[in-house]
Amino acid sequence: MRLNVLCADDHLTHVELHGRLDIAGVNEIQDQFVHQTAGRRRATLVDLSHVTFIASLGMGLLVSAAKALQRSGTKMVLVRPPELVRKALEAAGIHFVIPIAEEEERALQLLG
């Protein structure tokens, strides 16, 4: 699992995840992910287009960071999840907690 920071300015954090968000993947990126998302307290885009699998632990990581951002008055949006990942997120009801967008432009609109 790999995390790339695409943008980290005064208004936006945009990260990109690569690999499997399973137990091993979450353990590899958890600290960095929390630091770069909830820790920055900025509107956050999480690009999932390169995530090949997501387990419940990976979903928990996303929800935990999104709720921390909500408590600080900002939002997270998930962008471009592959079909398998999107179906898993929707089956778990994650889309009710964290909006999912197919395009970055729409994700930015959802962030306000």
Protein backbone atom coordinates (compact mmCIF):
# COMPACT_ATOMS: atom_id res chain seq x y z
CA MET A 1 0.00 0.00 0.00
CA ARG A 2 1.26 3.45 -0.86
CA LEU A 3 -0.01 6.97 -0.12
CA ASN A 4 0.94 9.91 -2.35
CA VAL A 5 0.21 13.50 -1.35
CA LEU A 6 -0.90 15.33 -4.50
CA CYS A 7 -1.75 18.63 -2.81
CA ALA A 8 -1.35 19.95 0.72
CA ASP A 9 -1.99 23.68 0.70
CA ASP A 10 -3.89 26.06 2.98
CA HIS A 11 -7.28 25.05 1.54
CA LEU A 12 -7.08 21.45 0.38
CA THR A 13 -5.48 18.09 1.02
CA HIS A 14 -5.52 15.67 -1.91
CA VAL A 15 -4.10 12.20 -1.38
CA GLU A 16 -3.95 9.19 -3.65
CA LEU A 17 -3.93 5.61 -2.40
CA HIS A 18 -2.36 2.68 -4.29
CA GLY A 19 -2.82 -0.98 -3.48
CA ARG A 20 -4.97 -3.02 -1.13
CA LEU A 21 -6.68 -1.44 1.88
CA ASP A 22 -6.62 -4.68 3.83
CA ILE A 23 -5.00 -5.28 7.24
CA ALA A 24 -1.46 -5.10 5.88
CA GLY A 25 -2.20 -2.05 3.72
CA VAL A 26 -3.90 -0.13 6.52
CA ASN A 27 -1.00 -0.90 8.85
CA GLU A 28 1.44 0.48 6.27
CA ILE A 29 -0.29 3.84 5.73
CA GLN A 30 -2.49 4.46 8.77
CA ASP A 31 -0.27 6.95 10.60
CA GLN A 32 0.62 8.88 7.45
CA PHE A 33 -3.01 8.89 6.28
CA VAL A 34 -4.36 10.23 9.57
CA HIS A 35 -1.61 12.85 9.71
CA GLN A 36 -2.22 14.01 6.12
CA THR A 37 -6.03 14.06 6.39
CA ALA A 38 -7.52 14.56 9.85
CA GLY A 39 -4.30 16.04 11.18
CA ARG A 40 -4.27 18.84 8.60
CA ARG A 41 -7.93 19.78 9.18
CA ARG A 42 -8.42 20.83 5.56
CA ALA A 43 -11.02 19.81 2.98
CA THR A 44 -9.78 16.44 1.76
CA LEU A 45 -10.01 14.49 -1.49
CA VAL A 46 -9.02 10.84 -1.30
CA ASP A 47 -8.36 9.36 -4.75
CA LEU A 48 -9.15 5.64 -4.66
CA SER A 49 -8.69 4.95 -8.38
CA HIS A 50 -5.63 2.75 -7.70
CA VAL A 51 -7.13 0.82 -4.76
CA THR A 52 -7.69 -2.77 -5.84
CA PHE A 53 -9.43 -4.03 -2.68
CA ILE A 54 -10.93 -2.56 0.49
CA ALA A 55 -11.62 -4.47 3.69
CA SER A 56 -13.70 -3.31 6.64
CA LEU A 57 -10.54 -2.10 8.38
CA GLY A 58 -9.81 0.15 5.38
CA MET A 59 -13.34 1.49 5.49
CA GLY A 60 -12.92 2.16 9.20
CA LEU A 61 -9.77 4.17 8.50
CA LEU A 62 -11.63 6.35 5.98
CA VAL A 63 -14.65 6.86 8.25
CA SER A 64 -12.51 7.68 11.27
CA ALA A 65 -10.60 10.36 9.36
CA ALA A 66 -13.80 11.75 7.80
CA LYS A 67 -15.49 12.04 11.20
CA ALA A 68 -12.43 13.79 12.65
CA LEU A 69 -12.56 16.25 9.74
CA GLN A 70 -16.30 16.81 10.34
CA ARG A 71 -15.60 17.62 13.99
CA SER A 72 -13.10 20.25 12.84
CA GLY A 73 -15.67 21.75 10.45
CA THR A 74 -14.53 20.36 7.11
CA LYS A 75 -15.23 17.42 4.80
CA MET A 76 -13.74 14.44 2.99
CA VAL A 77 -14.80 13.17 -0.43
CA LEU A 78 -13.73 9.88 -2.01
CA VAL A 79 -12.85 10.12 -5.70
CA ARG A 80 -12.89 7.55 -8.51
CA PRO A 81 -13.15 4.25 -6.66
CA PRO A 82 -13.00 1.24 -9.01
CA GLU A 83 -16.32 -0.59 -9.37
CA LEU A 84 -15.42 -3.38 -6.93
CA VAL A 85 -14.30 -0.88 -4.28
CA ARG A 86 -17.32 1.37 -4.85
CA LYS A 87 -19.72 -1.55 -4.47
CA ALA A 88 -18.05 -2.56 -1.20
CA LEU A 89 -18.25 1.03 0.10
CA GLU A 90 -21.91 1.32 -0.85
CA ALA A 91 -22.79 -2.11 0.57
CA ALA A 92 -21.34 -0.93 3.89
CA GLY A 93 -23.19 2.39 3.70
CA ILE A 94 -19.99 4.45 3.64
CA HIS A 95 -21.44 6.73 0.96
CA PHE A 96 -23.91 8.01 3.57
CA VAL A 97 -20.99 9.21 5.70
CA ILE A 98 -18.44 10.17 3.03
CA PRO A 99 -19.59 11.40 -0.39
CA ILE A 100 -18.22 9.52 -3.41
CA ALA A 101 -17.53 11.30 -6.70
CA GLU A 102 -16.51 9.92 -10.07
CA GLU A 103 -14.64 13.08 -11.12
CA GLU A 104 -12.37 15.48 -9.28
CA GLU A 105 -14.44 18.49 -10.39
CA ARG A 106 -17.56 17.01 -8.78
CA ALA A 107 -15.60 16.14 -5.65
CA LEU A 108 -14.48 19.76 -5.31
CA GLN A 109 -18.12 20.88 -5.66
CA LEU A 110 -19.13 18.49 -2.88
CA LEU A 111 -16.45 19.96 -0.65
CA GLY A 112 -18.00 23.38 -1.15
